[in-house]
């Protein structure tokens, strides 16, 4: 379980997300969230 804490208040409407970069590869989207009704996942991680 990864956590990411912001140093100040973030608007609840602001997009927050996770990206990853493997050696020799470009940074890629993993998942983003605005609210529970607005979430996206990379196909490679859906369901996991």
ModelCIF file with pLDDT and N, C-alpha, C, O atoms, coordinates in Angstrom:
data_MODEL
#
_entry.id   MODEL 
#
_entity.id                         1 
_entity.type                       polymer 
_entity.pdbx_number_of_molecules   1 
#
_entity_poly.entity_id                      1 
_entity_poly.type                           'polypeptide(L)' 
_entity_poly.nstd_linkage                   no 
_entity_poly.nstd_monomer                   no 
_entity_poly.pdbx_seq_one_letter_code       
;(UNK)(UNK)(UNK)(UNK)(UNK)(UNK)(UNK)(UNK)(UNK)(UNK)(UNK)(UNK)(UNK)(UNK)(UNK)(UNK)
(UNK)(UNK)(UNK)(UNK)(UNK)(UNK)(UNK)(UNK)(UNK)(UNK)(UNK)(UNK)(UNK)(UNK)(UNK)(UNK)
(UNK)(UNK)(UNK)(UNK)(UNK)(UNK)(UNK)(UNK)(UNK)(UNK)(UNK)(UNK)(UNK)(UNK)(UNK)(UNK)
;
_entity_poly.pdbx_seq_one_letter_code_can   XXXXXXXXXXXXXXXXXXXXXXXXXXXXXXXXXXXXXXXXXXXXXXXX 
_entity_poly.pdbx_strand_id                 A 
#
loop_
_entity_poly_seq.entity_id 
_entity_poly_seq.num 
_entity_poly_seq.mon_id 
_entity_poly_seq.hetero 
1 1  UNK n 
1 2  UNK n 
1 3  UNK n 
1 4  UNK n 
1 5  UNK n 
1 6  UNK n 
1 7  UNK n 
1 8  UNK n 
1 9  UNK n 
1 10 UNK n 
1 11 UNK n 
1 12 UNK n 
1 13 UNK n 
1 14 UNK n 
1 15 UNK n 
1 16 UNK n 
1 17 UNK n 
1 18 UNK n 
1 19 UNK n 
1 20 UNK n 
1 21 UNK n 
1 22 UNK n 
1 23 UNK n 
1 24 UNK n 
1 25 UNK n 
1 26 UNK n 
1 27 UNK n 
1 28 UNK n 
1 29 UNK n 
1 30 UNK n 
1 31 UNK n 
1 32 UNK n 
1 33 UNK n 
1 34 UNK n 
1 35 UNK n 
1 36 UNK n 
1 37 UNK n 
1 38 UNK n 
1 39 UNK n 
1 40 UNK n 
1 41 UNK n 
1 42 UNK n 
1 43 UNK n 
1 44 UNK n 
1 45 UNK n 
1 46 UNK n 
1 47 UNK n 
1 48 UNK n 
#
_struct_asym.id          A 
_struct_asym.entity_id   1 
#
loop_
_ma_qa_metric.id 
_ma_qa_metric.mode 
_ma_qa_metric.name 
_ma_qa_metric.software_group_id 
_ma_qa_metric.type 
1 global pLDDT . pLDDT 
2 local  pLDDT . pLDDT 
#
_ma_qa_metric_global.metric_id      1 
_ma_qa_metric_global.metric_value   93.71 
_ma_qa_metric_global.model_id       1 
_ma_qa_metric_global.ordinal_id     1 
#
loop_
_ma_qa_metric_local.label_asym_id 
_ma_qa_metric_local.label_comp_id 
_ma_qa_metric_local.label_seq_id 
_ma_qa_metric_local.metric_id 
_ma_qa_metric_local.metric_value 
_ma_qa_metric_local.model_id 
_ma_qa_metric_local.ordinal_id 
A UNK 1  2 98.00 1 1  
A UNK 2  2 98.00 1 2  
A UNK 3  2 98.00 1 3  
A UNK 4  2 97.00 1 4  
A UNK 5  2 96.00 1 5  
A UNK 6  2 94.00 1 6  
A UNK 7  2 94.00 1 7  
A UNK 8  2 90.00 1 8  
A UNK 9  2 89.00 1 9  
A UNK 10 2 87.00 1 10 
A UNK 11 2 83.00 1 11 
A UNK 12 2 82.00 1 12 
A UNK 13 2 86.00 1 13 
A UNK 14 2 91.00 1 14 
A UNK 15 2 94.00 1 15 
A UNK 16 2 95.00 1 16 
A UNK 17 2 96.00 1 17 
A UNK 18 2 98.00 1 18 
A UNK 19 2 98.00 1 19 
A UNK 20 2 98.00 1 20 
A UNK 21 2 98.00 1 21 
A UNK 22 2 96.00 1 22 
A UNK 23 2 92.00 1 23 
A UNK 24 2 94.00 1 24 
A UNK 25 2 96.00 1 25 
A UNK 26 2 97.00 1 26 
A UNK 27 2 97.00 1 27 
A UNK 28 2 97.00 1 28 
A UNK 29 2 98.00 1 29 
A UNK 30 2 98.00 1 30 
A UNK 31 2 98.00 1 31 
A UNK 32 2 97.00 1 32 
A UNK 33 2 96.00 1 33 
A UNK 34 2 90.00 1 34 
A UNK 35 2 76.00 1 35 
A UNK 36 2 72.00 1 36 
A UNK 37 2 78.00 1 37 
A UNK 38 2 92.00 1 38 
A UNK 39 2 96.00 1 39 
A UNK 40 2 96.00 1 40 
A UNK 41 2 98.00 1 41 
A UNK 42 2 98.00 1 42 
A UNK 43 2 98.00 1 43 
A UNK 44 2 97.00 1 44 
A UNK 45 2 98.00 1 45 
A UNK 46 2 98.00 1 46 
A UNK 47 2 97.00 1 47 
A UNK 48 2 98.00 1 48 
#
loop_
_atom_site.group_PDB 
_atom_site.id 
_atom_site.type_symbol 
_atom_site.label_atom_id 
_atom_site.label_alt_id 
_atom_site.label_comp_id 
_atom_site.label_asym_id 
_atom_site.label_entity_id 
_atom_site.label_seq_id 
_atom_site.pdbx_PDB_ins_code 
_atom_site.Cartn_x 
_atom_site.Cartn_y 
_atom_site.Cartn_z 
_atom_site.occupancy 
_atom_site.B_iso_or_equiv 
_atom_site.pdbx_formal_charge 
_atom_site.auth_seq_id 
_atom_site.auth_comp_id 
_atom_site.auth_asym_id 
_atom_site.auth_atom_id 
_atom_site.pdbx_PDB_model_num 
ATOM 1   N N  . UNK A 1 1  ? 0.856   -1.186 0.000   1.00 98.00 ? 1  UNK A N  1 
ATOM 2   C CA . UNK A 1 1  ? 0.000   0.000  0.000   1.00 98.00 ? 1  UNK A CA 1 
ATOM 3   C C  . UNK A 1 1  ? 0.888   1.229  0.000   1.00 98.00 ? 1  UNK A C  1 
ATOM 4   O O  . UNK A 1 1  ? 1.670   1.440  0.927   1.00 98.00 ? 1  UNK A O  1 
ATOM 5   N N  . UNK A 1 2  ? 0.766   2.036  -1.038  1.00 98.00 ? 2  UNK A N  1 
ATOM 6   C CA . UNK A 1 2  ? 1.507   3.290  -1.129  1.00 98.00 ? 2  UNK A CA 1 
ATOM 7   C C  . UNK A 1 2  ? 0.650   4.435  -0.598  1.00 98.00 ? 2  UNK A C  1 
ATOM 8   O O  . UNK A 1 2  ? -0.569  4.454  -0.768  1.00 98.00 ? 2  UNK A O  1 
ATOM 9   N N  . UNK A 1 3  ? 1.309   5.376  0.042   1.00 98.00 ? 3  UNK A N  1 
ATOM 10  C CA . UNK A 1 3  ? 0.646   6.586  0.526   1.00 98.00 ? 3  UNK A CA 1 
ATOM 11  C C  . UNK A 1 3  ? 1.372   7.809  -0.005  1.00 98.00 ? 3  UNK A C  1 
ATOM 12  O O  . UNK A 1 3  ? 2.583   7.777  -0.220  1.00 98.00 ? 3  UNK A O  1 
ATOM 13  N N  . UNK A 1 4  ? 0.641   8.867  -0.210  1.00 97.00 ? 4  UNK A N  1 
ATOM 14  C CA . UNK A 1 4  ? 1.224   10.134 -0.660  1.00 97.00 ? 4  UNK A CA 1 
ATOM 15  C C  . UNK A 1 4  ? 0.523   11.254 0.074   1.00 97.00 ? 4  UNK A C  1 
ATOM 16  O O  . UNK A 1 4  ? -0.674  11.482 -0.106  1.00 97.00 ? 4  UNK A O  1 
ATOM 17  N N  . UNK A 1 5  ? 1.286   11.957 0.911   1.00 96.00 ? 5  UNK A N  1 
ATOM 18  C CA . UNK A 1 5  ? 0.727   13.035 1.711   1.00 96.00 ? 5  UNK A CA 1 
ATOM 19  C C  . UNK A 1 5  ? 1.158   14.384 1.151   1.00 96.00 ? 5  UNK A C  1 
ATOM 20  O O  . UNK A 1 5  ? 2.339   14.607 0.885   1.00 96.00 ? 5  UNK A O  1 
ATOM 21  N N  . UNK A 1 6  ? 0.199   15.276 0.976   1.00 94.00 ? 6  UNK A N  1 
ATOM 22  C CA . UNK A 1 6  ? 0.484   16.632 0.516   1.00 94.00 ? 6  UNK A CA 1 
ATOM 23  C C  . UNK A 1 6  ? 0.734   17.545 1.703   1.00 94.00 ? 6  UNK A C  1 
ATOM 24  O O  . UNK A 1 6  ? 0.171   17.353 2.781   1.00 94.00 ? 6  UNK A O  1 
ATOM 25  N N  . UNK A 1 7  ? 1.585   18.538 1.493   1.00 94.00 ? 7  UNK A N  1 
ATOM 26  C CA . UNK A 1 7  ? 1.995   19.423 2.588   1.00 94.00 ? 7  UNK A CA 1 
ATOM 27  C C  . UNK A 1 7  ? 0.963   20.495 2.899   1.00 94.00 ? 7  UNK A C  1 
ATOM 28  O O  . UNK A 1 7  ? 1.082   21.193 3.906   1.00 94.00 ? 7  UNK A O  1 
ATOM 29  N N  . UNK A 1 8  ? -0.048  20.635 2.048   1.00 90.00 ? 8  UNK A N  1 
ATOM 30  C CA . UNK A 1 8  ? -1.087  21.623 2.288   1.00 90.00 ? 8  UNK A CA 1 
ATOM 31  C C  . UNK A 1 8  ? -2.398  21.094 1.735   1.00 90.00 ? 8  UNK A C  1 
ATOM 32  O O  . UNK A 1 8  ? -2.440  20.070 1.053   1.00 90.00 ? 8  UNK A O  1 
ATOM 33  N N  . UNK A 1 9  ? -3.444  21.801 2.037   1.00 89.00 ? 9  UNK A N  1 
ATOM 34  C CA . UNK A 1 9  ? -4.764  21.356 1.626   1.00 89.00 ? 9  UNK A CA 1 
ATOM 35  C C  . UNK A 1 9  ? -4.897  21.336 0.099   1.00 89.00 ? 9  UNK A C  1 
ATOM 36  O O  . UNK A 1 9  ? -4.520  22.285 -0.589  1.00 89.00 ? 9  UNK A O  1 
ATOM 37  N N  . UNK A 1 10 ? -5.435  20.244 -0.398  1.00 87.00 ? 10 UNK A N  1 
ATOM 38  C CA . UNK A 1 10 ? -5.678  20.070 -1.823  1.00 87.00 ? 10 UNK A CA 1 
ATOM 39  C C  . UNK A 1 10 ? -7.182  20.124 -2.053  1.00 87.00 ? 10 UNK A C  1 
ATOM 40  O O  . UNK A 1 10 ? -7.947  19.459 -1.356  1.00 87.00 ? 10 UNK A O  1 
ATOM 41  N N  . UNK A 1 11 ? -7.602  20.918 -3.032  1.00 83.00 ? 11 UNK A N  1 
ATOM 42  C CA . UNK A 1 11 ? -9.022  20.980 -3.329  1.00 83.00 ? 11 UNK A CA 1 
ATOM 43  C C  . UNK A 1 11 ? -9.552  19.585 -3.626  1.00 83.00 ? 11 UNK A C  1 
ATOM 44  O O  . UNK A 1 11 ? -8.893  18.793 -4.299  1.00 83.00 ? 11 UNK A O  1 
ATOM 45  N N  . UNK A 1 12 ? -10.730 19.293 -3.129  1.00 82.00 ? 12 UNK A N  1 
ATOM 46  C CA . UNK A 1 12 ? -11.299 17.967 -3.344  1.00 82.00 ? 12 UNK A CA 1 
ATOM 47  C C  . UNK A 1 12 ? -11.570 17.710 -4.825  1.00 82.00 ? 12 UNK A C  1 
ATOM 48  O O  . UNK A 1 12 ? -11.750 16.561 -5.228  1.00 82.00 ? 12 UNK A O  1 
ATOM 49  N N  . UNK A 1 13 ? -11.600 18.765 -5.638  1.00 86.00 ? 13 UNK A N  1 
ATOM 50  C CA . UNK A 1 13 ? -11.848 18.617 -7.078  1.00 86.00 ? 13 UNK A CA 1 
ATOM 51  C C  . UNK A 1 13 ? -10.560 18.481 -7.878  1.00 86.00 ? 13 UNK A C  1 
ATOM 52  O O  . UNK A 1 13 ? -10.599 18.363 -9.102  1.00 86.00 ? 13 UNK A O  1 
ATOM 53  N N  . UNK A 1 14 ? -9.410  18.496 -7.190  1.00 91.00 ? 14 UNK A N  1 
ATOM 54  C CA . UNK A 1 14 ? -8.118  18.387 -7.871  1.00 91.00 ? 14 UNK A CA 1 
ATOM 55  C C  . UNK A 1 14 ? -7.793  16.929 -8.155  1.00 91.00 ? 14 UNK A C  1 
ATOM 56  O O  . UNK A 1 14 ? -7.969  16.062 -7.300  1.00 91.00 ? 14 UNK A O  1 
ATOM 57  N N  . UNK A 1 15 ? -7.319  16.674 -9.360  1.00 94.00 ? 15 UNK A N  1 
ATOM 58  C CA . UNK A 1 15 ? -6.921  15.321 -9.720  1.00 94.00 ? 15 UNK A CA 1 
ATOM 59  C C  . UNK A 1 15 ? -5.650  14.932 -8.954  1.00 94.00 ? 15 UNK A C  1 
ATOM 60  O O  . UNK A 1 15 ? -4.692  15.702 -8.889  1.00 94.00 ? 15 UNK A O  1 
ATOM 61  N N  . UNK A 1 16 ? -5.659  13.747 -8.385  1.00 95.00 ? 16 UNK A N  1 
ATOM 62  C CA . UNK A 1 16 ? -4.452  13.173 -7.781  1.00 95.00 ? 16 UNK A CA 1 
ATOM 63  C C  . UNK A 1 16 ? -4.223  11.820 -8.433  1.00 95.00 ? 16 UNK A C  1 
ATOM 64  O O  . UNK A 1 16 ? -5.172  11.137 -8.819  1.00 95.00 ? 16 UNK A O  1 
ATOM 65  N N  . UNK A 1 17 ? -2.975  11.443 -8.552  1.00 96.00 ? 17 UNK A N  1 
ATOM 66  C CA . UNK A 1 17 ? -2.734  10.194 -9.253  1.00 96.00 ? 17 UNK A CA 1 
ATOM 67  C C  . UNK A 1 17 ? -1.397  9.573  -8.939  1.00 96.00 ? 17 UNK A C  1 
ATOM 68  O O  . UNK A 1 17 ? -0.554  10.160 -8.260  1.00 96.00 ? 17 UNK A O  1 
ATOM 69  N N  . UNK A 1 18 ? -1.224  8.371  -9.448  1.00 98.00 ? 18 UNK A N  1 
ATOM 70  C CA . UNK A 1 18 ? 0.016   7.619  -9.343  1.00 98.00 ? 18 UNK A CA 1 
ATOM 71  C C  . UNK A 1 18 ? 0.514   7.288  -10.745 1.00 98.00 ? 18 UNK A C  1 
ATOM 72  O O  . UNK A 1 18 ? -0.256  6.900  -11.623 1.00 98.00 ? 18 UNK A O  1 
ATOM 73  N N  . UNK A 1 19 ? 1.810   7.451  -10.929 1.00 98.00 ? 19 UNK A N  1 
ATOM 74  C CA . UNK A 1 19 ? 2.499   7.084  -12.151 1.00 98.00 ? 19 UNK A CA 1 
ATOM 75  C C  . UNK A 1 19 ? 3.667   6.190  -11.775 1.00 98.00 ? 19 UNK A C  1 
ATOM 76  O O  . UNK A 1 19 ? 4.052   6.127  -10.608 1.00 98.00 ? 19 UNK A O  1 
ATOM 77  N N  . UNK A 1 20 ? 4.232   5.500  -12.754 1.00 98.00 ? 20 UNK A N  1 
ATOM 78  C CA . UNK A 1 20 ? 5.402   4.673  -12.466 1.00 98.00 ? 20 UNK A CA 1 
ATOM 79  C C  . UNK A 1 20 ? 6.374   4.708  -13.636 1.00 98.00 ? 20 UNK A C  1 
ATOM 80  O O  . UNK A 1 20 ? 5.998   4.952  -14.783 1.00 98.00 ? 20 UNK A O  1 
ATOM 81  N N  . UNK A 1 21 ? 7.626   4.459  -13.309 1.00 98.00 ? 21 UNK A N  1 
ATOM 82  C CA . UNK A 1 21 ? 8.662   4.433  -14.329 1.00 98.00 ? 21 UNK A CA 1 
ATOM 83  C C  . UNK A 1 21 ? 9.600   3.266  -14.058 1.00 98.00 ? 21 UNK A C  1 
ATOM 84  O O  . UNK A 1 21 ? 10.286  3.223  -13.037 1.00 98.00 ? 21 UNK A O  1 
ATOM 85  N N  . UNK A 1 22 ? 9.616   2.325  -14.988 1.00 96.00 ? 22 UNK A N  1 
ATOM 86  C CA . UNK A 1 22 ? 10.517  1.181  -14.894 1.00 96.00 ? 22 UNK A CA 1 
ATOM 87  C C  . UNK A 1 22 ? 11.832  1.535  -15.590 1.00 96.00 ? 22 UNK A C  1 
ATOM 88  O O  . UNK A 1 22 ? 11.860  2.426  -16.440 1.00 96.00 ? 22 UNK A O  1 
ATOM 89  N N  . UNK A 1 23 ? 12.913  0.850  -15.240 1.00 92.00 ? 23 UNK A N  1 
ATOM 90  C CA . UNK A 1 23 ? 14.210  1.134  -15.865 1.00 92.00 ? 23 UNK A CA 1 
ATOM 91  C C  . UNK A 1 23 ? 14.134  1.041  -17.392 1.00 92.00 ? 23 UNK A C  1 
ATOM 92  O O  . UNK A 1 23 ? 13.651  0.051  -17.941 1.00 92.00 ? 23 UNK A O  1 
ATOM 93  N N  . UNK A 1 24 ? 14.616  2.082  -18.063 1.00 94.00 ? 24 UNK A N  1 
ATOM 94  C CA . UNK A 1 24 ? 14.647  2.075  -19.512 1.00 94.00 ? 24 UNK A CA 1 
ATOM 95  C C  . UNK A 1 24 ? 13.324  2.360  -20.182 1.00 94.00 ? 24 UNK A C  1 
ATOM 96  O O  . UNK A 1 24 ? 13.218  2.286  -21.406 1.00 94.00 ? 24 UNK A O  1 
ATOM 97  N N  . UNK A 1 25 ? 12.300  2.687  -19.388 1.00 96.00 ? 25 UNK A N  1 
ATOM 98  C CA . UNK A 1 25 ? 10.979  2.949  -19.952 1.00 96.00 ? 25 UNK A CA 1 
ATOM 99  C C  . UNK A 1 25 ? 10.501  4.342  -19.572 1.00 96.00 ? 25 UNK A C  1 
ATOM 100 O O  . UNK A 1 25 ? 11.016  4.967  -18.645 1.00 96.00 ? 25 UNK A O  1 
ATOM 101 N N  . UNK A 1 26 ? 9.496   4.814  -20.319 1.00 97.00 ? 26 UNK A N  1 
ATOM 102 C CA . UNK A 1 26 ? 8.915   6.119  -20.012 1.00 97.00 ? 26 UNK A CA 1 
ATOM 103 C C  . UNK A 1 26 ? 7.981   6.021  -18.814 1.00 97.00 ? 26 UNK A C  1 
ATOM 104 O O  . UNK A 1 26 ? 7.446   4.955  -18.506 1.00 97.00 ? 26 UNK A O  1 
ATOM 105 N N  . UNK A 1 27 ? 7.797   7.154  -18.148 1.00 97.00 ? 27 UNK A N  1 
ATOM 106 C CA . UNK A 1 27 ? 6.847   7.203  -17.052 1.00 97.00 ? 27 UNK A CA 1 
ATOM 107 C C  . UNK A 1 27 ? 5.442   6.985  -17.606 1.00 97.00 ? 27 UNK A C  1 
ATOM 108 O O  . UNK A 1 27 ? 5.080   7.538  -18.645 1.00 97.00 ? 27 UNK A O  1 
ATOM 109 N N  . UNK A 1 28 ? 4.656   6.172  -16.903 1.00 97.00 ? 28 UNK A N  1 
ATOM 110 C CA . UNK A 1 28 ? 3.320   5.851  -17.378 1.00 97.00 ? 28 UNK A CA 1 
ATOM 111 C C  . UNK A 1 28 ? 2.285   6.029  -16.272 1.00 97.00 ? 28 UNK A C  1 
ATOM 112 O O  . UNK A 1 28 ? 2.589   5.927  -15.083 1.00 97.00 ? 28 UNK A O  1 
ATOM 113 N N  . UNK A 1 29 ? 1.057   6.296  -16.702 1.00 98.00 ? 29 UNK A N  1 
ATOM 114 C CA . UNK A 1 29 ? -0.043  6.449  -15.775 1.00 98.00 ? 29 UNK A CA 1 
ATOM 115 C C  . UNK A 1 29 ? -0.388  5.098  -15.154 1.00 98.00 ? 29 UNK A C  1 
ATOM 116 O O  . UNK A 1 29 ? -0.430  4.077  -15.840 1.00 98.00 ? 29 UNK A O  1 
ATOM 117 N N  . UNK A 1 30 ? -0.633  5.112  -13.850 1.00 98.00 ? 30 UNK A N  1 
ATOM 118 C CA . UNK A 1 30 ? -1.137  3.928  -13.154 1.00 98.00 ? 30 UNK A CA 1 
ATOM 119 C C  . UNK A 1 30 ? -2.616  4.115  -12.815 1.00 98.00 ? 30 UNK A C  1 
ATOM 120 O O  . UNK A 1 30 ? -3.454  3.284  -13.164 1.00 98.00 ? 30 UNK A O  1 
ATOM 121 N N  . UNK A 1 31 ? -2.924  5.218  -12.129 1.00 98.00 ? 31 UNK A N  1 
ATOM 122 C CA . UNK A 1 31 ? -4.308  5.480  -11.737 1.00 98.00 ? 31 UNK A CA 1 
ATOM 123 C C  . UNK A 1 31 ? -4.465  6.939  -11.349 1.00 98.00 ? 31 UNK A C  1 
ATOM 124 O O  . UNK A 1 31 ? -3.527  7.567  -10.857 1.00 98.00 ? 31 UNK A O  1 
ATOM 125 N N  . UNK A 1 32 ? -5.656  7.472  -11.573 1.00 97.00 ? 32 UNK A N  1 
ATOM 126 C CA . UNK A 1 32 ? -5.975  8.832  -11.131 1.00 97.00 ? 32 UNK A CA 1 
ATOM 127 C C  . UNK A 1 32 ? -7.336  8.842  -10.451 1.00 97.00 ? 32 UNK A C  1 
ATOM 128 O O  . UNK A 1 32 ? -8.177  7.978  -10.699 1.00 97.00 ? 32 UNK A O  1 
ATOM 129 N N  . UNK A 1 33 ? -7.537  9.838  -9.587  1.00 96.00 ? 33 UNK A N  1 
ATOM 130 C CA . UNK A 1 33 ? -8.795  9.964  -8.876  1.00 96.00 ? 33 UNK A CA 1 
ATOM 131 C C  . UNK A 1 33 ? -9.121  11.437 -8.657  1.00 96.00 ? 33 UNK A C  1 
ATOM 132 O O  . UNK A 1 33 ? -8.264  12.233 -8.275  1.00 96.00 ? 33 UNK A O  1 
ATOM 133 N N  . UNK A 1 34 ? -10.377 11.775 -8.907  1.00 90.00 ? 34 UNK A N  1 
ATOM 134 C CA . UNK A 1 34 ? -10.908 13.066 -8.477  1.00 90.00 ? 34 UNK A CA 1 
ATOM 135 C C  . UNK A 1 34 ? -11.816 12.805 -7.275  1.00 90.00 ? 34 UNK A C  1 
ATOM 136 O O  . UNK A 1 34 ? -11.620 13.353 -6.190  1.00 90.00 ? 34 UNK A O  1 
ATOM 137 N N  . UNK A 1 35 ? -12.799 11.962 -7.501  1.00 76.00 ? 35 UNK A N  1 
ATOM 138 C CA . UNK A 1 35 ? -13.654 11.500 -6.413  1.00 76.00 ? 35 UNK A CA 1 
ATOM 139 C C  . UNK A 1 35 ? -14.038 10.068 -6.725  1.00 76.00 ? 35 UNK A C  1 
ATOM 140 O O  . UNK A 1 35 ? -13.606 9.514  -7.736  1.00 76.00 ? 35 UNK A O  1 
ATOM 141 N N  . UNK A 1 36 ? -14.839 9.469  -5.876  1.00 72.00 ? 36 UNK A N  1 
ATOM 142 C CA . UNK A 1 36 ? -15.124 8.048  -6.035  1.00 72.00 ? 36 UNK A CA 1 
ATOM 143 C C  . UNK A 1 36 ? -15.798 7.748  -7.364  1.00 72.00 ? 36 UNK A C  1 
ATOM 144 O O  . UNK A 1 36 ? -15.747 6.619  -7.851  1.00 72.00 ? 36 UNK A O  1 
ATOM 145 N N  . UNK A 1 37 ? -16.418 8.743  -7.939  1.00 78.00 ? 37 UNK A N  1 
ATOM 146 C CA . UNK A 1 37 ? -17.075 8.533  -9.223  1.00 78.00 ? 37 UNK A CA 1 
ATOM 147 C C  . UNK A 1 37 ? -16.218 8.864  -10.419 1.00 78.00 ? 37 UNK A C  1 
ATOM 148 O O  . UNK A 1 37 ? -16.667 8.744  -11.559 1.00 78.00 ? 37 UNK A O  1 
ATOM 149 N N  . UNK A 1 38 ? -14.991 9.278  -10.177 1.00 92.00 ? 38 UNK A N  1 
ATOM 150 C CA . UNK A 1 38 ? -14.104 9.679  -11.276 1.00 92.00 ? 38 UNK A CA 1 
ATOM 151 C C  . UNK A 1 38 ? -12.733 9.089  -11.038 1.00 92.00 ? 38 UNK A C  1 
ATOM 152 O O  . UNK A 1 38 ? -11.833 9.756  -10.528 1.00 92.00 ? 38 UNK A O  1 
ATOM 153 N N  . UNK A 1 39 ? -12.580 7.826  -11.414 1.00 96.00 ? 39 UNK A N  1 
ATOM 154 C CA . UNK A 1 39 ? -11.335 7.085  -11.232 1.00 96.00 ? 39 UNK A CA 1 
ATOM 155 C C  . UNK A 1 39 ? -10.955 6.432  -12.555 1.00 96.00 ? 39 UNK A C  1 
ATOM 156 O O  . UNK A 1 39 ? -11.810 5.906  -13.268 1.00 96.00 ? 39 UNK A O  1 
ATOM 157 N N  . UNK A 1 40 ? -9.674  6.471  -12.873 1.00 96.00 ? 40 UNK A N  1 
ATOM 158 C CA . UNK A 1 40 ? -9.174  5.785  -14.061 1.00 96.00 ? 40 UNK A CA 1 
ATOM 159 C C  . UNK A 1 40 ? -8.011  4.888  -13.670 1.00 96.00 ? 40 UNK A C  1 
ATOM 160 O O  . UNK A 1 40 ? -7.267  5.186  -12.736 1.00 96.00 ? 40 UNK A O  1 
ATOM 161 N N  . UNK A 1 41 ? -7.865  3.795  -14.389 1.00 98.00 ? 41 UNK A N  1 
ATOM 162 C CA . UNK A 1 41 ? -6.769  2.858  -14.186 1.00 98.00 ? 41 UNK A CA 1 
ATOM 163 C C  . UNK A 1 41 ? -6.146  2.497  -15.529 1.00 98.00 ? 41 UNK A C  1 
ATOM 164 O O  . UNK A 1 41 ? -6.824  2.449  -16.555 1.00 98.00 ? 41 UNK A O  1 
ATOM 165 N N  . UNK A 1 42 ? -4.849  2.245  -15.500 1.00 98.00 ? 42 UNK A N  1 
ATOM 166 C CA . UNK A 1 42 ? -4.209  1.638  -16.661 1.00 98.00 ? 42 UNK A CA 1 
ATOM 167 C C  . UNK A 1 42 ? -4.753  0.216  -16.808 1.00 98.00 ? 42 UNK A C  1 
ATOM 168 O O  . UNK A 1 42 ? -5.055  -0.445 -15.815 1.00 98.00 ? 42 UNK A O  1 
ATOM 169 N N  . UNK A 1 43 ? -4.875  -0.243 -18.041 1.00 98.00 ? 43 UNK A N  1 
ATOM 170 C CA . UNK A 1 43 ? -5.399  -1.596 -18.276 1.00 98.00 ? 43 UNK A CA 1 
ATOM 171 C C  . UNK A 1 43 ? -4.568  -2.642 -17.549 1.00 98.00 ? 43 UNK A C  1 
ATOM 172 O O  . UNK A 1 43 ? -5.102  -3.656 -17.100 1.00 98.00 ? 43 UNK A O  1 
ATOM 173 N N  . UNK A 1 44 ? -3.280  -2.409 -17.429 1.00 97.00 ? 44 UNK A N  1 
ATOM 174 C CA . UNK A 1 44 ? -2.372  -3.396 -16.845 1.00 97.00 ? 44 UNK A CA 1 
ATOM 175 C C  . UNK A 1 44 ? -2.595  -3.603 -15.343 1.00 97.00 ? 44 UNK A C  1 
ATOM 176 O O  . UNK A 1 44 ? -2.140  -4.603 -14.788 1.00 97.00 ? 44 UNK A O  1 
ATOM 177 N N  . UNK A 1 45 ? -3.285  -2.677 -14.683 1.00 98.00 ? 45 UNK A N  1 
ATOM 178 C CA . UNK A 1 45 ? -3.473  -2.803 -13.234 1.00 98.00 ? 45 UNK A CA 1 
ATOM 179 C C  . UNK A 1 45 ? -4.939  -2.956 -12.832 1.00 98.00 ? 45 UNK A C  1 
ATOM 180 O O  . UNK A 1 45 ? -5.238  -3.143 -11.653 1.00 98.00 ? 45 UNK A O  1 
ATOM 181 N N  . UNK A 1 46 ? -5.849  -2.878 -13.794 1.00 98.00 ? 46 UNK A N  1 
ATOM 182 C CA . UNK A 1 46 ? -7.277  -3.000 -13.478 1.00 98.00 ? 46 UNK A CA 1 
ATOM 183 C C  . UNK A 1 46 ? -7.566  -4.328 -12.789 1.00 98.00 ? 46 UNK A C  1 
ATOM 184 O O  . UNK A 1 46 ? -7.101  -5.384 -13.218 1.00 98.00 ? 46 UNK A O  1 
ATOM 185 N N  . UNK A 1 47 ? -8.348  -4.252 -11.710 1.00 97.00 ? 47 UNK A N  1 
ATOM 186 C CA . UNK A 1 47 ? -8.702  -5.454 -10.967 1.00 97.00 ? 47 UNK A CA 1 
ATOM 187 C C  . UNK A 1 47 ? -7.679  -5.847 -9.926  1.00 97.00 ? 47 UNK A C  1 
ATOM 188 O O  . UNK A 1 47 ? -7.945  -6.724 -9.104  1.00 97.00 ? 47 UNK A O  1 
ATOM 189 N N  . UNK A 1 48 ? -6.506  -5.218 -9.941  1.00 98.00 ? 48 UNK A N  1 
ATOM 190 C CA . UNK A 1 48 ? -5.455  -5.548 -8.962  1.00 98.00 ? 48 UNK A CA 1 
ATOM 191 C C  . UNK A 1 48 ? -5.120  -4.365 -8.061  1.00 98.00 ? 48 UNK A C  1 
ATOM 192 O O  . UNK A 1 48 ? -4.259  -4.478 -7.188  1.00 98.00 ? 48 UNK A O  1 
#
